[in-house]
Amino acid sequence: MVTAYLLFVVAALLLILLVALIWRFWKNFAQVSPEEEELERSIASLNDSQANRVSDQQIARQMDAETGWQIMVRRGQRDSRRPRRPRQ
């Protein structure tokens, strides 16, 4: 009977040790520095810009709200000048 309890305690300790080791490994693996986070954000932003086919020159410089608004207005004016094809 004592052997069964002793075996249970040893198995429980081994299980707890295994969980603790996995927890420490995952904590070290998942920990990200602020510099790495900023780098990942900038790469994601560049990927989004490339996916939307923005020119490299626009990607390289940060755009303020006023510049973005002017670009939207110009594109809207350009589209309105173009003659529309009649529907068939």
N, C-alpha and C. Protein backbone atom coordinates (compact mmCIF):
# COMPACT_ATOMS: atom_id res chain seq x y z
N MET A 1 0.81 -1.19 0.00
CA MET A 1 0.00 0.00 0.00
C MET A 1 0.86 1.26 0.00
N VAL A 2 1.90 1.25 0.80
CA VAL A 2 2.80 2.39 0.87
C VAL A 2 3.51 2.57 -0.47
N THR A 3 3.81 1.46 -1.11
CA THR A 3 4.48 1.52 -2.40
C THR A 3 3.60 2.21 -3.44
N ALA A 4 2.32 1.98 -3.39
CA ALA A 4 1.40 2.62 -4.34
C ALA A 4 1.37 4.12 -4.11
N TYR A 5 1.31 4.54 -2.85
CA TYR A 5 1.32 5.97 -2.55
C TYR A 5 2.64 6.61 -2.97
N LEU A 6 3.72 5.92 -2.69
CA LEU A 6 5.04 6.43 -3.06
C LEU A 6 5.16 6.55 -4.58
N LEU A 7 4.66 5.57 -5.30
CA LEU A 7 4.67 5.61 -6.75
C LEU A 7 3.81 6.76 -7.27
N PHE A 8 2.66 6.98 -6.65
CA PHE A 8 1.78 8.08 -7.04
C PHE A 8 2.46 9.43 -6.81
N VAL A 9 3.12 9.60 -5.66
CA VAL A 9 3.81 10.86 -5.34
C VAL A 9 4.94 11.11 -6.33
N VAL A 10 5.70 10.10 -6.65
CA VAL A 10 6.81 10.24 -7.60
C VAL A 10 6.27 10.61 -8.99
N ALA A 11 5.21 9.95 -9.41
CA ALA A 11 4.62 10.26 -10.72
C ALA A 11 4.07 11.69 -10.74
N ALA A 12 3.44 12.10 -9.64
CA ALA A 12 2.90 13.47 -9.56
C ALA A 12 4.04 14.49 -9.60
N LEU A 13 5.12 14.23 -8.88
CA LEU A 13 6.26 15.14 -8.90
C LEU A 13 6.88 15.22 -10.29
N LEU A 14 6.99 14.10 -10.96
CA LEU A 14 7.53 14.12 -12.32
C LEU A 14 6.62 14.90 -13.27
N LEU A 15 5.33 14.74 -13.10
CA LEU A 15 4.38 15.48 -13.94
C LEU A 15 4.48 16.98 -13.67
N ILE A 16 4.55 17.36 -12.41
CA ILE A 16 4.70 18.77 -12.05
C ILE A 16 6.01 19.32 -12.59
N LEU A 17 7.08 18.56 -12.50
CA LEU A 17 8.37 18.98 -13.04
C LEU A 17 8.30 19.18 -14.55
N LEU A 18 7.65 18.27 -15.23
CA LEU A 18 7.50 18.38 -16.69
C LEU A 18 6.72 19.63 -17.06
N VAL A 19 5.61 19.88 -16.36
CA VAL A 19 4.81 21.08 -16.63
C VAL A 19 5.62 22.34 -16.35
N ALA A 20 6.39 22.36 -15.28
CA ALA A 20 7.21 23.52 -14.94
C ALA A 20 8.27 23.77 -16.02
N LEU A 21 8.90 22.71 -16.50
CA LEU A 21 9.91 22.87 -17.55
C LEU A 21 9.30 23.40 -18.85
N ILE A 22 8.14 22.85 -19.20
CA ILE A 22 7.47 23.33 -20.41
C ILE A 22 7.06 24.79 -20.25
N TRP A 23 6.56 25.16 -19.07
CA TRP A 23 6.15 26.53 -18.79
C TRP A 23 7.34 27.49 -18.92
N ARG A 24 8.47 27.14 -18.35
CA ARG A 24 9.67 28.00 -18.43
C ARG A 24 10.16 28.13 -19.87
N PHE A 25 10.16 27.03 -20.61
CA PHE A 25 10.58 27.08 -22.01
C PHE A 25 9.65 27.99 -22.80
N TRP A 26 8.34 27.84 -22.62
CA TRP A 26 7.39 28.65 -23.37
C TRP A 26 7.49 30.12 -22.98
N LYS A 27 7.70 30.42 -21.71
CA LYS A 27 7.83 31.80 -21.25
C LYS A 27 9.04 32.46 -21.91
N ASN A 28 10.16 31.78 -21.98
CA ASN A 28 11.36 32.32 -22.63
C ASN A 28 11.16 32.45 -24.14
N PHE A 29 10.45 31.50 -24.72
CA PHE A 29 10.23 31.50 -26.17
C PHE A 29 9.27 32.62 -26.58
N ALA A 30 8.24 32.84 -25.78
CA ALA A 30 7.20 33.80 -26.15
C ALA A 30 7.54 35.23 -25.76
N GLN A 31 8.53 35.43 -24.93
CA GLN A 31 8.89 36.77 -24.49
C GLN A 31 9.52 37.55 -25.65
N VAL A 32 8.95 38.74 -25.94
CA VAL A 32 9.41 39.56 -27.06
C VAL A 32 9.80 40.93 -26.52
N SER A 33 10.95 41.42 -26.94
CA SER A 33 11.40 42.73 -26.50
C SER A 33 10.62 43.82 -27.24
N PRO A 34 10.58 45.03 -26.68
CA PRO A 34 9.87 46.14 -27.35
C PRO A 34 10.46 46.45 -28.73
N GLU A 35 11.77 46.28 -28.88
CA GLU A 35 12.40 46.53 -30.18
C GLU A 35 11.90 45.53 -31.22
N GLU A 36 11.79 44.26 -30.81
CA GLU A 36 11.29 43.24 -31.73
C GLU A 36 9.83 43.49 -32.10
N GLU A 37 9.03 43.95 -31.13
CA GLU A 37 7.63 44.27 -31.41
C GLU A 37 7.53 45.40 -32.42
N GLU A 38 8.34 46.44 -32.24
CA GLU A 38 8.32 47.57 -33.17
C GLU A 38 8.76 47.14 -34.56
N LEU A 39 9.78 46.28 -34.63
CA LEU A 39 10.24 45.77 -35.92
C LEU A 39 9.14 44.97 -36.61
N GLU A 40 8.45 44.12 -35.85
CA GLU A 40 7.36 43.33 -36.43
C GLU A 40 6.23 44.22 -36.92
N ARG A 41 5.92 45.29 -36.17
CA ARG A 41 4.87 46.23 -36.60
C ARG A 41 5.27 46.93 -37.90
N SER A 42 6.52 47.36 -37.98
CA SER A 42 6.95 48.07 -39.20
C SER A 42 6.96 47.12 -40.39
N ILE A 43 7.38 45.88 -40.20
CA ILE A 43 7.36 44.91 -41.29
C ILE A 43 5.93 44.61 -41.72
N ALA A 44 5.02 44.49 -40.76
CA ALA A 44 3.61 44.25 -41.10
C ALA A 44 3.04 45.43 -41.86
N SER A 45 3.42 46.63 -41.47
CA SER A 45 2.95 47.82 -42.17
C SER A 45 3.48 47.85 -43.60
N LEU A 46 4.75 47.52 -43.77
CA LEU A 46 5.31 47.48 -45.12
C LEU A 46 4.64 46.40 -45.96
N ASN A 47 4.35 45.24 -45.37
CA ASN A 47 3.67 44.18 -46.10
C ASN A 47 2.27 44.60 -46.52
N ASP A 48 1.55 45.28 -45.63
CA ASP A 48 0.22 45.77 -45.97
C ASP A 48 0.29 46.78 -47.11
N SER A 49 1.28 47.66 -47.03
CA SER A 49 1.43 48.66 -48.08
C SER A 49 1.76 48.02 -49.42
N GLN A 50 2.62 47.02 -49.40
CA GLN A 50 2.97 46.33 -50.64
C GLN A 50 1.76 45.58 -51.18
N ALA A 51 0.96 45.01 -50.31
CA ALA A 51 -0.22 44.28 -50.76
C ALA A 51 -1.22 45.21 -51.41
N ASN A 52 -1.24 46.47 -50.98
CA ASN A 52 -2.16 47.45 -51.56
C ASN A 52 -1.51 48.19 -52.73
N ARG A 53 -0.36 47.74 -53.15
CA ARG A 53 0.37 48.28 -54.29
C ARG A 53 0.66 49.78 -54.17
N VAL A 54 1.15 50.17 -53.04
CA VAL A 54 1.60 51.54 -52.82
C VAL A 54 3.04 51.61 -53.32
N SER A 55 3.42 52.74 -53.90
CA SER A 55 4.76 52.84 -54.46
C SER A 55 5.81 52.80 -53.34
N ASP A 56 7.02 52.40 -53.70
CA ASP A 56 8.11 52.31 -52.72
C ASP A 56 8.42 53.68 -52.13
N GLN A 57 8.28 54.72 -52.92
CA GLN A 57 8.56 56.06 -52.42
C GLN A 57 7.57 56.44 -51.32
N GLN A 58 6.31 56.08 -51.48
CA GLN A 58 5.32 56.38 -50.44
C GLN A 58 5.53 55.50 -49.22
N ILE A 59 6.00 54.29 -49.43
CA ILE A 59 6.24 53.39 -48.29
C ILE A 59 7.40 53.91 -47.45
N ALA A 60 8.42 54.43 -48.09
CA ALA A 60 9.63 54.85 -47.40
C ALA A 60 9.39 56.06 -46.50
N ARG A 61 8.43 56.91 -46.83
CA ARG A 61 8.19 58.09 -45.99
C ARG A 61 6.85 57.94 -45.27
N GLN A 62 6.83 58.47 -44.08
CA GLN A 62 5.60 58.44 -43.30
C GLN A 62 4.65 59.51 -43.82
N MET A 63 3.39 59.18 -43.93
CA MET A 63 2.41 60.09 -44.50
C MET A 63 1.56 60.67 -43.37
N ASP A 64 1.36 61.98 -43.40
CA ASP A 64 0.48 62.59 -42.42
C ASP A 64 -0.96 62.60 -42.96
N ALA A 65 -1.88 63.00 -42.12
CA ALA A 65 -3.30 62.95 -42.49
C ALA A 65 -3.61 63.89 -43.65
N GLU A 66 -2.99 65.07 -43.66
CA GLU A 66 -3.27 66.04 -44.72
C GLU A 66 -2.82 65.52 -46.09
N THR A 67 -1.64 64.92 -46.14
CA THR A 67 -1.15 64.37 -47.40
C THR A 67 -2.06 63.24 -47.88
N GLY A 68 -2.48 62.38 -46.96
CA GLY A 68 -3.39 61.30 -47.33
C GLY A 68 -4.70 61.83 -47.87
N TRP A 69 -5.21 62.90 -47.26
CA TRP A 69 -6.46 63.50 -47.73
C TRP A 69 -6.29 64.06 -49.15
N GLN A 70 -5.18 64.75 -49.40
CA GLN A 70 -4.93 65.32 -50.73
C GLN A 70 -4.84 64.23 -51.79
N ILE A 71 -4.21 63.12 -51.46
CA ILE A 71 -4.12 62.01 -52.41
C ILE A 71 -5.52 61.47 -52.71
N MET A 72 -6.36 61.33 -51.69
CA MET A 72 -7.73 60.84 -51.92
C MET A 72 -8.51 61.80 -52.81
N VAL A 73 -8.36 63.11 -52.58
CA VAL A 73 -9.08 64.11 -53.38
C VAL A 73 -8.61 64.04 -54.84
N ARG A 74 -7.29 63.95 -55.04
CA ARG A 74 -6.77 63.88 -56.42
C ARG A 74 -7.28 62.64 -57.14
N ARG A 75 -7.28 61.51 -56.45
CA ARG A 75 -7.75 60.27 -57.09
C ARG A 75 -9.24 60.36 -57.40
N GLY A 76 -10.00 61.00 -56.52
CA GLY A 76 -11.43 61.18 -56.78
C GLY A 76 -11.67 62.08 -57.96
N GLN A 77 -10.88 63.15 -58.09
CA GLN A 77 -11.03 64.05 -59.23
C GLN A 77 -10.61 63.37 -60.51
N ARG A 78 -9.58 62.58 -60.45
CA ARG A 78 -9.10 61.88 -61.64
C ARG A 78 -10.16 60.90 -62.14
N ASP A 79 -10.81 60.22 -61.21
CA ASP A 79 -11.85 59.27 -61.62
C ASP A 79 -13.07 59.98 -62.19
N SER A 80 -13.39 61.17 -61.68
CA SER A 80 -14.59 61.86 -62.17
C SER A 80 -14.35 62.47 -63.56
N ARG A 81 -13.10 62.73 -63.93
CA ARG A 81 -12.79 63.30 -65.26
C ARG A 81 -12.86 62.24 -66.35
N ARG A 82 -12.68 61.01 -65.97
CA ARG A 82 -12.66 59.94 -66.94
C ARG A 82 -14.09 59.67 -67.45
N PRO A 83 -14.28 59.62 -68.77
CA PRO A 83 -15.65 59.35 -69.25
C PRO A 83 -16.07 57.94 -68.90
N ARG A 84 -17.30 57.80 -68.53
CA ARG A 84 -17.80 56.50 -68.13
C ARG A 84 -18.31 55.76 -69.36
N ARG A 85 -18.04 54.48 -69.38
CA ARG A 85 -18.53 53.67 -70.48
C ARG A 85 -20.00 53.37 -70.28
N PRO A 86 -20.77 53.42 -71.35
CA PRO A 86 -22.18 53.08 -71.18
C PRO A 86 -22.34 51.60 -70.89
N ARG A 87 -23.36 51.29 -70.10
CA ARG A 87 -23.62 49.90 -69.75
C ARG A 87 -24.26 49.20 -70.91
N GLN A 88 -23.95 47.95 -71.07
CA GLN A 88 -24.51 47.19 -72.18
C GLN A 88 -25.56 46.23 -71.72
